[in-house]
Amino acid sequence: MSPYSWVEVGHSYISSKMPLKVADDIKGVKIRVPPSRSTSLYFDELGAAGVPMGVVDMVPGLKTGQVDAIATSTVYGLAIGLPKLAPHTLVFHATHDIGTVTVSKRIWDGLTDAQKKALGLVDARVNDLRKAIRGTEEFLLGKTAEAGAPVTRPTGADLDSWKPAAERASKRLVEEIGGDAAEIWARIQEAKAACT
């Protein structure tokens, strides 16, 4: 298996049954988190009661009370109507989610030249997809607000309150991975600083 290209998924957000604005608001909240270690660590650092579950379990989880909030990608969550069940929408860009197009060597070797060329379009159009996803996020957030659901976009100190948990979670994840993870993480941070 090897990754062929990356694809834009967009920013995460939270739909919740109660208002959320600052990090302290989420303490003790039962929240669906994607089944990834990094996200689980982040919400653990926030003091939330993270419940890892796949997307197919989100709506039943809200309906049955298994969770009172959902963290998921903005486009997906709003498109499936999560604000109808959990009307408070928190836009704080905690994560920027991406996916991959991954093809095994066996499958790749069996593709025709036309099929390989078609896959090449994914990689060539990734920046167009990024613009489209971000535009769709804003469109759906506008529609959510127009429908009367509260959309909260924290700024300043309110937004900054969410950041220390991410730093602590990142440190824990790097320690858990071990090996040369610390060195790789330092290089990622250097590259990130060079881009700002």
N, C-alpha and C. Protein backbone atom coordinates (compact mmCIF):
# COMPACT_ATOMS: atom_id res chain seq x y z
N MET A 1 0.84 -1.18 0.00
CA MET A 1 0.00 0.00 0.00
C MET A 1 0.88 1.24 0.00
N SER A 2 0.47 2.19 -0.79
CA SER A 2 1.17 3.48 -0.75
C SER A 2 0.16 4.58 -1.02
N PRO A 3 0.31 5.70 -0.30
CA PRO A 3 -0.60 6.82 -0.55
C PRO A 3 -0.33 7.42 -1.92
N TYR A 4 -1.38 7.66 -2.65
CA TYR A 4 -1.24 8.24 -3.98
C TYR A 4 -1.42 9.75 -3.94
N SER A 5 -2.35 10.19 -3.13
CA SER A 5 -2.63 11.62 -3.02
C SER A 5 -3.33 11.86 -1.69
N TRP A 6 -3.40 13.12 -1.30
CA TRP A 6 -4.22 13.48 -0.15
C TRP A 6 -5.46 14.18 -0.67
N VAL A 7 -6.50 14.19 0.14
CA VAL A 7 -7.73 14.88 -0.23
C VAL A 7 -8.20 15.73 0.95
N GLU A 8 -8.82 16.82 0.64
CA GLU A 8 -9.36 17.74 1.64
C GLU A 8 -10.65 17.19 2.24
N VAL A 9 -10.74 17.20 3.56
CA VAL A 9 -11.98 16.85 4.26
C VAL A 9 -12.57 18.10 4.91
N GLY A 10 -11.71 18.99 5.37
CA GLY A 10 -12.16 20.25 5.95
C GLY A 10 -11.90 20.31 7.44
N HIS A 11 -12.39 21.37 8.05
CA HIS A 11 -12.21 21.57 9.49
C HIS A 11 -13.25 20.79 10.28
N SER A 12 -12.88 20.47 11.52
CA SER A 12 -13.84 19.85 12.42
C SER A 12 -14.65 20.94 13.12
N TYR A 13 -15.76 20.54 13.69
CA TYR A 13 -16.58 21.44 14.48
C TYR A 13 -17.32 20.57 15.49
N ILE A 14 -18.12 21.19 16.36
CA ILE A 14 -18.91 20.44 17.33
C ILE A 14 -20.37 20.85 17.23
N SER A 15 -21.26 19.86 17.15
CA SER A 15 -22.70 20.05 17.34
C SER A 15 -22.99 19.55 18.74
N SER A 16 -23.69 20.35 19.55
CA SER A 16 -23.94 19.94 20.93
C SER A 16 -25.35 20.33 21.36
N LYS A 17 -25.81 19.65 22.41
CA LYS A 17 -27.13 19.93 22.96
C LYS A 17 -27.10 21.15 23.90
N MET A 18 -25.90 21.60 24.25
CA MET A 18 -25.74 22.75 25.14
C MET A 18 -24.75 23.74 24.53
N PRO A 19 -24.84 25.01 24.92
CA PRO A 19 -23.89 25.99 24.38
C PRO A 19 -22.46 25.68 24.80
N LEU A 20 -21.53 25.83 23.88
CA LEU A 20 -20.10 25.69 24.14
C LEU A 20 -19.40 26.91 23.55
N LYS A 21 -18.49 27.50 24.30
CA LYS A 21 -17.74 28.64 23.79
C LYS A 21 -16.27 28.57 24.18
N VAL A 22 -16.02 28.27 25.45
CA VAL A 22 -14.64 28.17 25.93
C VAL A 22 -14.37 26.73 26.36
N ALA A 23 -13.10 26.39 26.49
CA ALA A 23 -12.71 25.01 26.78
C ALA A 23 -13.35 24.47 28.06
N ASP A 24 -13.50 25.31 29.06
CA ASP A 24 -14.11 24.84 30.32
C ASP A 24 -15.54 24.35 30.12
N ASP A 25 -16.22 24.83 29.09
CA ASP A 25 -17.61 24.43 28.84
C ASP A 25 -17.76 22.95 28.51
N ILE A 26 -16.69 22.34 28.02
CA ILE A 26 -16.82 20.96 27.55
C ILE A 26 -16.44 19.93 28.62
N LYS A 27 -15.98 20.40 29.76
CA LYS A 27 -15.60 19.46 30.83
C LYS A 27 -16.78 18.58 31.21
N GLY A 28 -16.54 17.27 31.19
CA GLY A 28 -17.56 16.30 31.57
C GLY A 28 -18.60 16.01 30.52
N VAL A 29 -18.58 16.72 29.39
CA VAL A 29 -19.58 16.50 28.33
C VAL A 29 -19.27 15.18 27.62
N LYS A 30 -20.30 14.35 27.43
CA LYS A 30 -20.17 13.12 26.65
C LYS A 30 -20.17 13.51 25.18
N ILE A 31 -19.03 13.36 24.54
CA ILE A 31 -18.89 13.80 23.16
C ILE A 31 -18.36 12.68 22.28
N ARG A 32 -19.01 12.52 21.13
CA ARG A 32 -18.50 11.57 20.13
C ARG A 32 -17.22 12.15 19.57
N VAL A 33 -16.18 11.33 19.58
CA VAL A 33 -14.92 11.71 18.94
C VAL A 33 -14.60 10.68 17.88
N PRO A 34 -13.95 11.10 16.80
CA PRO A 34 -13.53 10.11 15.80
C PRO A 34 -12.61 9.07 16.46
N PRO A 35 -12.63 7.85 15.98
CA PRO A 35 -11.81 6.81 16.58
C PRO A 35 -10.34 6.94 16.21
N SER A 36 -9.74 8.04 16.63
CA SER A 36 -8.30 8.27 16.40
C SER A 36 -7.66 8.63 17.73
N ARG A 37 -6.47 8.18 17.93
CA ARG A 37 -5.79 8.41 19.21
C ARG A 37 -5.57 9.90 19.46
N SER A 38 -5.17 10.65 18.44
CA SER A 38 -4.88 12.07 18.65
C SER A 38 -6.12 12.83 19.11
N THR A 39 -7.26 12.56 18.51
CA THR A 39 -8.49 13.26 18.89
C THR A 39 -8.94 12.84 20.28
N SER A 40 -8.83 11.55 20.59
CA SER A 40 -9.19 11.08 21.92
C SER A 40 -8.33 11.76 22.99
N LEU A 41 -7.04 11.87 22.73
CA LEU A 41 -6.15 12.54 23.68
C LEU A 41 -6.53 14.01 23.85
N TYR A 42 -6.88 14.68 22.75
CA TYR A 42 -7.24 16.10 22.82
C TYR A 42 -8.46 16.30 23.73
N PHE A 43 -9.51 15.55 23.50
CA PHE A 43 -10.71 15.73 24.32
C PHE A 43 -10.50 15.24 25.75
N ASP A 44 -9.62 14.28 25.95
CA ASP A 44 -9.24 13.87 27.29
C ASP A 44 -8.55 15.03 28.02
N GLU A 45 -7.65 15.71 27.33
CA GLU A 45 -6.96 16.86 27.91
C GLU A 45 -7.93 18.00 28.22
N LEU A 46 -9.01 18.09 27.47
CA LEU A 46 -10.03 19.12 27.74
C LEU A 46 -10.91 18.75 28.93
N GLY A 47 -10.86 17.50 29.36
CA GLY A 47 -11.70 17.05 30.47
C GLY A 47 -13.07 16.56 30.03
N ALA A 48 -13.25 16.38 28.73
CA ALA A 48 -14.51 15.86 28.20
C ALA A 48 -14.55 14.35 28.37
N ALA A 49 -15.74 13.79 28.29
CA ALA A 49 -15.91 12.34 28.32
C ALA A 49 -16.02 11.87 26.88
N GLY A 50 -14.88 11.69 26.23
CA GLY A 50 -14.85 11.31 24.83
C GLY A 50 -15.33 9.89 24.61
N VAL A 51 -16.19 9.71 23.61
CA VAL A 51 -16.70 8.40 23.25
C VAL A 51 -16.32 8.15 21.79
N PRO A 52 -15.26 7.34 21.55
CA PRO A 52 -14.88 7.08 20.16
C PRO A 52 -15.98 6.28 19.45
N MET A 53 -16.40 6.77 18.29
CA MET A 53 -17.38 6.03 17.49
C MET A 53 -17.30 6.46 16.04
N GLY A 54 -17.65 5.55 15.16
CA GLY A 54 -17.67 5.84 13.74
C GLY A 54 -18.84 6.74 13.38
N VAL A 55 -18.84 7.24 12.16
CA VAL A 55 -19.87 8.19 11.74
C VAL A 55 -21.27 7.57 11.71
N VAL A 56 -21.37 6.28 11.45
CA VAL A 56 -22.70 5.66 11.38
C VAL A 56 -23.39 5.62 12.74
N ASP A 57 -22.64 5.76 13.81
CA ASP A 57 -23.21 5.71 15.15
C ASP A 57 -23.50 7.08 15.75
N MET A 58 -23.19 8.15 15.04
CA MET A 58 -23.34 9.50 15.60
C MET A 58 -24.79 9.85 15.90
N VAL A 59 -25.65 9.71 14.91
CA VAL A 59 -27.06 10.08 15.11
C VAL A 59 -27.71 9.19 16.17
N PRO A 60 -27.55 7.85 16.09
CA PRO A 60 -28.12 7.03 17.16
C PRO A 60 -27.54 7.39 18.54
N GLY A 61 -26.26 7.74 18.59
CA GLY A 61 -25.65 8.13 19.85
C GLY A 61 -26.29 9.36 20.45
N LEU A 62 -26.62 10.34 19.60
CA LEU A 62 -27.32 11.54 20.09
C LEU A 62 -28.74 11.21 20.52
N LYS A 63 -29.43 10.41 19.72
CA LYS A 63 -30.83 10.09 20.00
C LYS A 63 -31.00 9.27 21.28
N THR A 64 -30.05 8.41 21.58
CA THR A 64 -30.16 7.55 22.75
C THR A 64 -29.53 8.16 24.00
N GLY A 65 -28.83 9.28 23.85
CA GLY A 65 -28.18 9.90 24.99
C GLY A 65 -26.81 9.33 25.30
N GLN A 66 -26.30 8.48 24.41
CA GLN A 66 -24.94 7.95 24.60
C GLN A 66 -23.95 9.11 24.57
N VAL A 67 -24.25 10.13 23.75
CA VAL A 67 -23.44 11.34 23.69
C VAL A 67 -24.37 12.55 23.64
N ASP A 68 -23.85 13.69 24.08
CA ASP A 68 -24.59 14.95 24.04
C ASP A 68 -23.97 15.94 23.07
N ALA A 69 -22.89 15.53 22.44
CA ALA A 69 -22.20 16.39 21.48
C ALA A 69 -21.45 15.50 20.49
N ILE A 70 -21.20 16.06 19.32
CA ILE A 70 -20.52 15.35 18.24
C ILE A 70 -19.40 16.22 17.70
N ALA A 71 -18.19 15.67 17.64
CA ALA A 71 -17.08 16.32 16.94
C ALA A 71 -16.91 15.58 15.61
N THR A 72 -17.02 16.31 14.52
CA THR A 72 -16.89 15.69 13.19
C THR A 72 -16.52 16.78 12.18
N SER A 73 -16.35 16.40 10.94
CA SER A 73 -16.04 17.39 9.91
C SER A 73 -17.27 18.27 9.66
N THR A 74 -17.01 19.53 9.43
CA THR A 74 -18.08 20.52 9.30
C THR A 74 -19.05 20.17 8.18
N VAL A 75 -18.54 19.91 7.00
CA VAL A 75 -19.41 19.65 5.85
C VAL A 75 -20.28 18.43 6.12
N TYR A 76 -19.69 17.34 6.58
CA TYR A 76 -20.45 16.13 6.81
C TYR A 76 -21.51 16.34 7.90
N GLY A 77 -21.09 16.87 9.03
CA GLY A 77 -22.02 17.03 10.15
C GLY A 77 -23.21 17.92 9.84
N LEU A 78 -22.94 19.04 9.15
CA LEU A 78 -24.04 19.95 8.82
C LEU A 78 -24.90 19.38 7.69
N ALA A 79 -24.27 18.70 6.74
CA ALA A 79 -25.03 18.15 5.62
C ALA A 79 -26.00 17.05 6.07
N ILE A 80 -25.64 16.29 7.10
CA ILE A 80 -26.56 15.24 7.56
C ILE A 80 -27.56 15.76 8.59
N GLY A 81 -27.47 17.05 8.92
CA GLY A 81 -28.47 17.65 9.79
C GLY A 81 -28.25 17.50 11.28
N LEU A 82 -27.01 17.37 11.73
CA LEU A 82 -26.77 17.23 13.16
C LEU A 82 -27.37 18.37 14.00
N PRO A 83 -27.39 19.63 13.51
CA PRO A 83 -27.98 20.68 14.34
C PRO A 83 -29.46 20.48 14.67
N LYS A 84 -30.16 19.60 13.96
CA LYS A 84 -31.55 19.31 14.31
C LYS A 84 -31.63 18.53 15.62
N LEU A 85 -30.59 17.76 15.93
CA LEU A 85 -30.55 16.96 17.16
C LEU A 85 -29.71 17.62 18.25
N ALA A 86 -28.71 18.34 17.85
CA ALA A 86 -27.79 19.02 18.77
C ALA A 86 -27.58 20.42 18.19
N PRO A 87 -28.46 21.37 18.54
CA PRO A 87 -28.54 22.63 17.80
C PRO A 87 -27.40 23.63 17.98
N HIS A 88 -26.57 23.46 18.99
CA HIS A 88 -25.49 24.43 19.21
C HIS A 88 -24.27 24.05 18.37
N THR A 89 -23.83 24.96 17.54
CA THR A 89 -22.73 24.71 16.61
C THR A 89 -21.52 25.52 17.04
N LEU A 90 -20.43 24.83 17.33
CA LEU A 90 -19.17 25.48 17.73
C LEU A 90 -18.17 25.36 16.60
N VAL A 91 -17.75 26.50 16.07
CA VAL A 91 -16.78 26.56 14.97
C VAL A 91 -15.47 27.07 15.58
N PHE A 92 -14.54 26.17 15.83
CA PHE A 92 -13.28 26.57 16.46
C PHE A 92 -12.05 25.98 15.79
N HIS A 93 -12.25 25.27 14.68
CA HIS A 93 -11.16 24.74 13.85
C HIS A 93 -10.09 24.02 14.67
N ALA A 94 -10.54 23.13 15.55
CA ALA A 94 -9.58 22.38 16.38
C ALA A 94 -8.70 21.48 15.52
N THR A 95 -9.28 20.91 14.47
CA THR A 95 -8.49 20.08 13.57
C THR A 95 -8.81 20.43 12.13
N HIS A 96 -7.86 20.18 11.29
CA HIS A 96 -8.04 20.29 9.85
C HIS A 96 -7.85 18.87 9.33
N ASP A 97 -8.92 18.29 8.86
CA ASP A 97 -8.91 16.88 8.51
C ASP A 97 -8.60 16.67 7.03
N ILE A 98 -7.79 15.64 6.78
CA ILE A 98 -7.48 15.25 5.41
C ILE A 98 -7.69 13.74 5.29
N GLY A 99 -7.80 13.29 4.09
CA GLY A 99 -7.87 11.87 3.79
C GLY A 99 -6.80 11.53 2.79
N THR A 100 -6.72 10.27 2.44
CA THR A 100 -5.75 9.86 1.43
C THR A 100 -6.41 8.98 0.38
N VAL A 101 -5.84 8.99 -0.78
CA VAL A 101 -6.17 8.01 -1.82
C VAL A 101 -5.00 7.03 -1.78
N THR A 102 -5.28 5.82 -1.36
CA THR A 102 -4.23 4.82 -1.19
C THR A 102 -4.53 3.64 -2.10
N VAL A 103 -3.51 3.21 -2.81
CA VAL A 103 -3.68 2.12 -3.78
C VAL A 103 -2.59 1.08 -3.54
N SER A 104 -2.99 -0.18 -3.46
CA SER A 104 -1.99 -1.24 -3.30
C SER A 104 -1.26 -1.47 -4.62
N LYS A 105 -0.07 -2.00 -4.54
CA LYS A 105 0.71 -2.27 -5.75
C LYS A 105 -0.03 -3.25 -6.65
N ARG A 106 -0.67 -4.25 -6.05
CA ARG A 106 -1.41 -5.24 -6.84
C ARG A 106 -2.52 -4.57 -7.64
N ILE A 107 -3.28 -3.70 -6.99
CA ILE A 107 -4.36 -3.00 -7.70
C ILE A 107 -3.77 -2.04 -8.74
N TRP A 108 -2.74 -1.28 -8.36
CA TRP A 108 -2.13 -0.32 -9.27
C TRP A 108 -1.65 -1.02 -10.54
N ASP A 109 -0.98 -2.15 -10.38
CA ASP A 109 -0.46 -2.89 -11.53
C ASP A 109 -1.58 -3.40 -12.43
N GLY A 110 -2.79 -3.57 -11.91
CA GLY A 110 -3.91 -4.05 -12.71
C GLY A 110 -4.73 -2.95 -13.37
N LEU A 111 -4.41 -1.68 -13.08
CA LEU A 111 -5.16 -0.57 -13.67
C LEU A 111 -4.72 -0.30 -15.10
N THR A 112 -5.65 0.15 -15.90
CA THR A 112 -5.31 0.58 -17.25
C THR A 112 -4.65 1.95 -17.18
N ASP A 113 -4.00 2.37 -18.27
CA ASP A 113 -3.39 3.70 -18.30
C ASP A 113 -4.45 4.79 -18.10
N ALA A 114 -5.64 4.59 -18.64
CA ALA A 114 -6.72 5.57 -18.49
C ALA A 114 -7.15 5.67 -17.02
N GLN A 115 -7.20 4.55 -16.33
CA GLN A 115 -7.58 4.57 -14.91
C GLN A 115 -6.50 5.26 -14.07
N LYS A 116 -5.25 5.01 -14.38
CA LYS A 116 -4.16 5.68 -13.67
C LYS A 116 -4.21 7.18 -13.91
N LYS A 117 -4.51 7.55 -15.14
CA LYS A 117 -4.61 8.97 -15.47
C LYS A 117 -5.78 9.62 -14.71
N ALA A 118 -6.88 8.90 -14.59
CA ALA A 118 -8.04 9.42 -13.84
C ALA A 118 -7.67 9.64 -12.38
N LEU A 119 -6.93 8.72 -11.79
CA LEU A 119 -6.48 8.91 -10.41
C LEU A 119 -5.55 10.12 -10.29
N GLY A 120 -4.79 10.38 -11.33
CA GLY A 120 -3.91 11.55 -11.33
C GLY A 120 -4.67 12.85 -11.23
N LEU A 121 -5.92 12.86 -11.70
CA LEU A 121 -6.75 14.06 -11.60
C LEU A 121 -7.04 14.43 -10.15
N VAL A 122 -7.14 13.41 -9.29
CA VAL A 122 -7.38 13.68 -7.87
C VAL A 122 -6.26 14.54 -7.32
N ASP A 123 -5.03 14.12 -7.57
CA ASP A 123 -3.88 14.86 -7.06
C ASP A 123 -3.77 16.25 -7.70
N ALA A 124 -4.05 16.32 -8.99
CA ALA A 124 -3.95 17.60 -9.71
C ALA A 124 -5.01 18.60 -9.25
N ARG A 125 -6.14 18.13 -8.75
CA ARG A 125 -7.25 19.02 -8.40
C ARG A 125 -7.41 19.24 -6.90
N VAL A 126 -6.44 18.79 -6.10
CA VAL A 126 -6.60 18.84 -4.65
C VAL A 126 -6.80 20.27 -4.13
N ASN A 127 -6.14 21.24 -4.72
CA ASN A 127 -6.31 22.63 -4.27
C ASN A 127 -7.69 23.16 -4.63
N ASP A 128 -8.23 22.72 -5.77
CA ASP A 128 -9.61 23.09 -6.12
C ASP A 128 -10.59 22.50 -5.11
N LEU A 129 -10.33 21.26 -4.71
CA LEU A 129 -11.19 20.61 -3.72
C LEU A 129 -11.12 21.37 -2.40
N ARG A 130 -9.94 21.80 -2.00
CA ARG A 130 -9.79 22.56 -0.75
C ARG A 130 -10.66 23.81 -0.78
N LYS A 131 -10.61 24.56 -1.86
CA LYS A 131 -11.43 25.77 -1.98
C LYS A 131 -12.92 25.44 -1.93
N ALA A 132 -13.30 24.37 -2.61
CA ALA A 132 -14.71 23.98 -2.64
C ALA A 132 -15.21 23.56 -1.26
N ILE A 133 -14.40 22.79 -0.54
CA ILE A 133 -14.80 22.35 0.81
C ILE A 133 -14.93 23.55 1.73
N ARG A 134 -13.97 24.45 1.69
CA ARG A 134 -14.04 25.62 2.58
C ARG A 134 -15.23 26.51 2.23
N GLY A 135 -15.53 26.64 0.97
CA GLY A 135 -16.70 27.41 0.57
C GLY A 135 -17.99 26.73 1.03
N THR A 136 -18.02 25.41 0.94
CA THR A 136 -19.19 24.66 1.37
C THR A 136 -19.36 24.75 2.88
N GLU A 137 -18.26 24.72 3.62
CA GLU A 137 -18.35 24.89 5.08
C GLU A 137 -19.07 26.19 5.42
N GLU A 138 -18.62 27.28 4.81
CA GLU A 138 -19.22 28.59 5.12
C GLU A 138 -20.67 28.66 4.67
N PHE A 139 -20.98 28.08 3.52
CA PHE A 139 -22.36 28.05 3.04
C PHE A 139 -23.26 27.32 4.03
N LEU A 140 -22.83 26.13 4.45
CA LEU A 140 -23.65 25.33 5.38
C LEU A 140 -23.76 25.98 6.76
N LEU A 141 -22.70 26.62 7.22
CA LEU A 141 -22.77 27.33 8.50
C LEU A 141 -23.76 28.49 8.39
N GLY A 142 -23.78 29.17 7.26
CA GLY A 142 -24.75 30.25 7.04
C GLY A 142 -26.17 29.72 7.04
N LYS A 143 -26.40 28.60 6.37
CA LYS A 143 -27.73 28.00 6.35
C LYS A 143 -28.16 27.55 7.75
N THR A 144 -27.22 27.04 8.53
CA THR A 144 -27.52 26.61 9.90
C THR A 144 -27.98 27.81 10.73
N ALA A 145 -27.25 28.91 10.62
CA ALA A 145 -27.61 30.13 11.36
C ALA A 145 -28.97 30.67 10.88
N GLU A 146 -29.19 30.66 9.56
CA GLU A 146 -30.47 31.13 9.02
C GLU A 146 -31.64 30.31 9.55
N ALA A 147 -31.40 29.02 9.82
CA ALA A 147 -32.45 28.14 10.33
C ALA A 147 -32.70 28.35 11.82
N GLY A 148 -31.92 29.23 12.43
CA GLY A 148 -32.14 29.57 13.83
C GLY A 148 -31.28 28.83 14.83
N ALA A 149 -30.38 27.99 14.36
CA ALA A 149 -29.48 27.29 15.28
C ALA A 149 -28.31 28.21 15.64
N PRO A 150 -27.96 28.29 16.93
CA PRO A 150 -26.85 29.15 17.32
C PRO A 150 -25.52 28.65 16.76
N VAL A 151 -24.79 29.53 16.10
CA VAL A 151 -23.46 29.22 15.58
C VAL A 151 -22.47 30.10 16.34
N THR A 152 -21.60 29.47 17.11
CA THR A 152 -20.63 30.20 17.93
C THR A 152 -19.26 30.09 17.30
N ARG A 153 -18.62 31.25 17.13
CA ARG A 153 -17.26 31.33 16.58
C ARG A 153 -16.40 32.09 17.60
N PRO A 154 -15.82 31.36 18.56
CA PRO A 154 -15.04 32.07 19.57
C PRO A 154 -13.84 32.79 18.96
N THR A 155 -13.47 33.90 19.58
CA THR A 155 -12.31 34.69 19.15
C THR A 155 -11.48 35.02 20.38
N GLY A 156 -10.30 35.57 20.15
CA GLY A 156 -9.45 36.05 21.23
C GLY A 156 -9.20 35.01 22.31
N ALA A 157 -9.37 35.42 23.57
CA ALA A 157 -9.11 34.54 24.71
C ALA A 157 -10.03 33.33 24.71
N ASP A 158 -11.27 33.49 24.23
CA ASP A 158 -12.20 32.36 24.18
C ASP A 158 -11.65 31.27 23.25
N LEU A 159 -11.17 31.66 22.08
CA LEU A 159 -10.59 30.70 21.14
C LEU A 159 -9.28 30.13 21.69
N ASP A 160 -8.47 31.01 22.28
CA ASP A 160 -7.18 30.56 22.82
C ASP A 160 -7.34 29.54 23.94
N SER A 161 -8.48 29.52 24.61
CA SER A 161 -8.68 28.59 25.73
C SER A 161 -8.63 27.13 25.28
N TRP A 162 -8.87 26.88 24.01
CA TRP A 162 -8.88 25.50 23.47
C TRP A 162 -7.48 25.01 23.12
N LYS A 163 -6.52 25.90 22.98
CA LYS A 163 -5.20 25.54 22.44
C LYS A 163 -4.28 24.78 23.38
N PRO A 164 -4.21 25.11 24.69
CA PRO A 164 -3.29 24.36 25.56
C PRO A 164 -3.55 22.85 25.58
N ALA A 165 -4.80 22.45 25.48
CA ALA A 165 -5.12 21.01 25.47
C ALA A 165 -4.51 20.34 24.25
N ALA A 166 -4.50 21.04 23.13
CA ALA A 166 -3.91 20.48 21.91
C ALA A 166 -2.41 20.28 22.08
N GLU A 167 -1.77 21.24 22.72
CA GLU A 167 -0.32 21.10 22.95
C GLU A 167 -0.02 19.93 23.88
N ARG A 168 -0.81 19.79 24.93
CA ARG A 168 -0.60 18.66 25.85
C ARG A 168 -0.89 17.33 25.17
N ALA A 169 -1.95 17.28 24.38
CA ALA A 169 -2.30 16.04 23.67
C ALA A 169 -1.21 15.66 22.67
N SER A 170 -0.68 16.65 21.97
CA SER A 170 0.40 16.37 21.00
C SER A 170 1.61 15.79 21.70
N LYS A 171 1.95 16.38 22.85
CA LYS A 171 3.10 15.88 23.61
C LYS A 171 2.87 14.43 24.04
N ARG A 172 1.68 14.13 24.54
CA ARG A 172 1.36 12.76 24.96
C ARG A 172 1.43 11.79 23.78
N LEU A 173 0.91 12.22 22.62
CA LEU A 173 0.91 11.35 21.45
C LEU A 173 2.34 11.04 21.01
N VAL A 174 3.18 12.06 20.97
CA VAL A 174 4.58 11.85 20.57
C VAL A 174 5.26 10.89 21.55
N GLU A 175 5.00 11.05 22.84
CA GLU A 175 5.59 10.15 23.83
C GLU A 175 5.08 8.72 23.64
N GLU A 176 3.80 8.56 23.36
CA GLU A 176 3.24 7.22 23.15
C GLU A 176 3.84 6.54 21.92
N ILE A 177 4.03 7.31 20.86
CA ILE A 177 4.58 6.74 19.63
C ILE A 177 6.01 6.30 19.85
N GLY A 178 6.79 7.14 20.54
CA GLY A 178 8.18 6.80 20.84
C GLY A 178 9.06 6.81 19.60
N GLY A 179 10.15 6.08 19.67
CA GLY A 179 11.09 6.02 18.55
C GLY A 179 11.59 7.41 18.19
N ASP A 180 11.56 7.71 16.90
CA ASP A 180 12.03 9.02 16.44
C ASP A 180 10.88 10.02 16.29
N ALA A 181 9.75 9.74 16.94
CA ALA A 181 8.59 10.64 16.83
C ALA A 181 8.90 12.05 17.30
N ALA A 182 9.69 12.19 18.36
CA ALA A 182 10.01 13.53 18.88
C ALA A 182 10.80 14.33 17.85
N GLU A 183 11.73 13.68 17.20
CA GLU A 183 12.53 14.35 16.17
C GLU A 183 11.66 14.75 14.97
N ILE A 184 10.79 13.86 14.55
CA ILE A 184 9.90 14.15 13.43
C ILE A 184 8.94 15.27 13.79
N TRP A 185 8.39 15.24 15.02
CA TRP A 185 7.48 16.30 15.47
C TRP A 185 8.19 17.65 15.49
N ALA A 186 9.44 17.68 15.93
CA ALA A 186 10.21 18.94 15.95
C ALA A 186 10.38 19.47 14.53
N ARG A 187 10.64 18.59 13.57
CA ARG A 187 10.79 19.03 12.17
C ARG A 187 9.46 19.55 11.62
N ILE A 188 8.35 18.91 12.00
CA ILE A 188 7.04 19.39 11.56
C ILE A 188 6.78 20.79 12.11
N GLN A 189 7.12 21.00 13.38
CA GLN A 189 6.90 22.31 13.99
C GLN A 189 7.77 23.38 13.33
N GLU A 190 9.01 23.03 12.97
CA GLU A 190 9.90 23.96 12.26
C GLU A 190 9.30 24.33 10.90
N ALA A 191 8.82 23.33 10.19
CA ALA A 191 8.22 23.58 8.87
C ALA A 191 6.96 24.44 9.00
N LYS A 192 6.17 24.17 10.02
CA LYS A 192 4.96 24.95 10.26
C LYS A 192 5.30 26.41 10.54
N ALA A 193 6.31 26.62 11.38
CA ALA A 193 6.75 27.99 11.71
C ALA A 193 7.27 28.72 10.47
N ALA A 194 7.90 27.99 9.57
CA ALA A 194 8.44 28.60 8.35
C ALA A 194 7.32 29.03 7.40
N CYS A 195 6.15 28.40 7.53
CA CYS A 195 5.02 28.72 6.64
C CYS A 195 4.15 29.87 7.15
N THR A 196 4.37 30.31 8.37
CA THR A 196 3.52 31.37 8.92
C THR A 196 4.15 32.73 8.84
